[in-house]
Amino acid sequence: MRHDRESVVDAALRILDEWGLSELTMRRLGAALEVQPSALYHHFENKQTLLAAVADRIQETARPVPSPNSAGTRRHWPRRSTCATRCSPTVTAPRSC
């Protein structure tokens, strides 16, 4: 199966959700995608660029969205849980979620 950048980031997020940041290695990611770790460098120059893409995805997912009953003046977190709220001890969603 061929993978693109998005599928690699998806797999990286699944590893983060299940195992945490310390366990996100190119070897584990390659095994999850059933490819050699070296194949991942076709999509990402190095692990840092992969982590930057993962961070971008987390930010996109965790951005507050306007509440339908607030006419855009108040904001709330999406109800969907994200890796950012589970993986980082410094990032938490408001209790209202």
C-alpha atoms as a PDB file:
ATOM      1  CA  MET A   1       0.000   0.000   0.000  1.00  0.00           C
ATOM      2  CA  ARG A   2       1.287   3.479  -0.843  1.00  0.00           C
ATOM      3  CA  HIS A   3       1.139   6.139   1.815  1.00  0.00           C
ATOM      4  CA  ASP A   4       1.023   9.915   1.575  1.00  0.00           C
ATOM      5  CA  ARG A   5       1.941  12.589   4.112  1.00  0.00           C
ATOM      6  CA  GLU A   6      -1.574  12.593   5.553  1.00  0.00           C
ATOM      7  CA  SER A   7      -1.645   8.845   6.208  1.00  0.00           C
ATOM      8  CA  VAL A   8       1.779   9.038   7.876  1.00  0.00           C
ATOM      9  CA  VAL A   9       0.571  11.858  10.148  1.00  0.00           C
ATOM     10  CA  ASP A  10      -2.611   9.878  10.901  1.00  0.00           C
ATOM     11  CA  ALA A  11      -0.530   6.870  11.957  1.00  0.00           C
ATOM     12  CA  ALA A  12       1.773   9.075  14.044  1.00  0.00           C
ATOM     13  CA  LEU A  13      -1.243  10.508  15.870  1.00  0.00           C
ATOM     14  CA  ARG A  14      -2.536   7.006  16.590  1.00  0.00           C
ATOM     15  CA  ILE A  15       0.833   6.096  18.097  1.00  0.00           C
ATOM     16  CA  LEU A  16       0.804   9.287  20.178  1.00  0.00           C
ATOM     17  CA  ASP A  17      -2.688   8.471  21.421  1.00  0.00           C
ATOM     18  CA  GLU A  18      -1.791   4.905  22.339  1.00  0.00           C
ATOM     19  CA  TRP A  19       1.846   5.073  23.406  1.00  0.00           C
ATOM     20  CA  GLY A  20       2.809   8.730  23.993  1.00  0.00           C
ATOM     21  CA  LEU A  21       5.493  10.970  22.537  1.00  0.00           C
ATOM     22  CA  SER A  22       8.465   9.038  23.860  1.00  0.00           C
ATOM     23  CA  GLU A  23       7.342   5.970  21.910  1.00  0.00           C
ATOM     24  CA  LEU A  24       6.828   7.739  18.582  1.00  0.00           C
ATOM     25  CA  THR A  25       9.840   6.451  16.693  1.00  0.00           C
ATOM     26  CA  MET A  26      10.383   6.093  12.982  1.00  0.00           C
ATOM     27  CA  ARG A  27      10.737   2.327  13.529  1.00  0.00           C
ATOM     28  CA  ARG A  28       7.407   2.058  15.336  1.00  0.00           C
ATOM     29  CA  LEU A  29       5.754   4.296  12.748  1.00  0.00           C
ATOM     30  CA  GLY A  30       7.185   2.234   9.902  1.00  0.00           C
ATOM     31  CA  ALA A  31       5.967  -0.968  11.552  1.00  0.00           C
ATOM     32  CA  ALA A  32       2.482   0.514  12.010  1.00  0.00           C
ATOM     33  CA  LEU A  33       2.375   1.390   8.303  1.00  0.00           C
ATOM     34  CA  GLU A  34       4.023  -1.888   7.281  1.00  0.00           C
ATOM     35  CA  VAL A  35       6.936  -0.127   5.562  1.00  0.00           C
ATOM     36  CA  GLN A  36      10.653   0.179   6.235  1.00  0.00           C
ATOM     37  CA  PRO A  37      11.425   3.214   8.430  1.00  0.00           C
ATOM     38  CA  SER A  38      13.585   4.615   5.623  1.00  0.00           C
ATOM     39  CA  ALA A  39      10.465   4.856   3.420  1.00  0.00           C
ATOM     40  CA  LEU A  40       9.079   7.528   5.749  1.00  0.00           C
ATOM     41  CA  TYR A  41      11.862   9.892   4.713  1.00  0.00           C
ATOM     42  CA  HIS A  42      10.260  10.077   1.271  1.00  0.00           C
ATOM     43  CA  HIS A  43       7.462  12.089   2.930  1.00  0.00           C
ATOM     44  CA  PHE A  44       9.379  13.854   5.716  1.00  0.00           C
ATOM     45  CA  GLU A  45      12.966  15.077   5.691  1.00  0.00           C
ATOM     46  CA  ASN A  46      13.474  14.004   9.309  1.00  0.00           C
ATOM     47  CA  LYS A  47      11.591  13.281  12.513  1.00  0.00           C
ATOM     48  CA  GLN A  48      11.432  16.991  13.367  1.00  0.00           C
ATOM     49  CA  THR A  49       9.482  17.786  10.185  1.00  0.00           C
ATOM     50  CA  LEU A  50       7.165  14.876  10.947  1.00  0.00           C
ATOM     51  CA  LEU A  51       6.598  16.239  14.458  1.00  0.00           C
ATOM     52  CA  ALA A  52       5.934  19.702  13.022  1.00  0.00           C
ATOM     53  CA  ALA A  53       3.261  18.221  10.732  1.00  0.00           C
ATOM     54  CA  VAL A  54       1.754  16.348  13.684  1.00  0.00           C
ATOM     55  CA  ALA A  55       1.725  19.559  15.752  1.00  0.00           C
ATOM     56  CA  ASP A  56       0.037  21.412  12.879  1.00  0.00           C
ATOM     57  CA  ARG A  57      -2.655  18.727  12.699  1.00  0.00           C
ATOM     58  CA  ILE A  58      -3.225  18.909  16.456  1.00  0.00           C
ATOM     59  CA  GLN A  59      -3.562  22.695  16.284  1.00  0.00           C
ATOM     60  CA  GLU A  60      -6.036  22.463  13.401  1.00  0.00           C
ATOM     61  CA  THR A  61      -8.131  19.960  15.332  1.00  0.00           C
ATOM     62  CA  ALA A  62      -8.002  21.747  18.687  1.00  0.00           C
ATOM     63  CA  ARG A  63      -8.829  25.285  17.566  1.00  0.00           C
ATOM     64  CA  PRO A  64     -11.849  26.753  19.296  1.00  0.00           C
ATOM     65  CA  VAL A  65     -14.907  27.076  17.097  1.00  0.00           C
ATOM     66  CA  PRO A  66     -17.780  29.554  17.432  1.00  0.00           C
ATOM     67  CA  SER A  67     -20.673  28.341  19.523  1.00  0.00           C
ATOM     68  CA  PRO A  68     -23.908  28.150  17.501  1.00  0.00           C
ATOM     69  CA  ASN A  69     -25.878  30.021  20.179  1.00  0.00           C
ATOM     70  CA  SER A  70     -23.335  32.786  20.799  1.00  0.00           C
ATOM     71  CA  ALA A  71     -23.358  34.527  17.407  1.00  0.00           C
ATOM     72  CA  GLY A  72     -19.566  34.154  17.262  1.00  0.00           C
ATOM     73  CA  THR A  73     -18.832  36.221  20.384  1.00  0.00           C
ATOM     74  CA  ARG A  74     -17.937  33.314  22.670  1.00  0.00           C
ATOM     75  CA  ARG A  75     -15.832  30.356  21.748  1.00  0.00           C
ATOM     76  CA  HIS A  76     -15.733  26.787  22.977  1.00  0.00           C
ATOM     77  CA  TRP A  77     -13.572  23.760  22.360  1.00  0.00           C
ATOM     78  CA  PRO A  78     -14.764  21.104  19.924  1.00  0.00           C
ATOM     79  CA  ARG A  79     -16.412  18.204  21.687  1.00  0.00           C
ATOM     80  CA  ARG A  80     -14.166  15.776  19.838  1.00  0.00           C
ATOM     81  CA  SER A  81     -11.253  14.722  22.016  1.00  0.00           C
ATOM     82  CA  THR A  82      -7.811  15.264  20.514  1.00  0.00           C
ATOM     83  CA  CYS A  83      -4.389  13.864  21.070  1.00  0.00           C
ATOM     84  CA  ALA A  84      -3.264  17.254  22.342  1.00  0.00           C
ATOM     85  CA  THR A  85      -5.548  17.031  25.360  1.00  0.00           C
ATOM     86  CA  ARG A  86      -4.477  13.480  26.183  1.00  0.00           C
ATOM     87  CA  CYS A  87      -0.756  13.542  25.380  1.00  0.00           C
ATOM     88  CA  SER A  88       0.399  16.773  26.914  1.00  0.00           C
ATOM     89  CA  PRO A  89       0.296  17.477  30.632  1.00  0.00           C
ATOM     90  CA  THR A  90       0.219  21.211  29.849  1.00  0.00           C
ATOM     91  CA  VAL A  91      -2.683  21.162  27.365  1.00  0.00           C
ATOM     92  CA  THR A  92      -6.135  20.560  28.774  1.00  0.00           C
ATOM     93  CA  ALA A  93      -9.603  21.200  27.477  1.00  0.00           C
ATOM     94  CA  PRO A  94     -12.023  23.280  29.527  1.00  0.00           C
ATOM     95  CA  ARG A  95     -14.241  21.361  31.945  1.00  0.00           C
ATOM     96  CA  SER A  96     -17.311  22.310  29.915  1.00  0.00           C
ATOM     97  CA  CYS A  97     -16.427  19.744  27.215  1.00  0.00           C
END
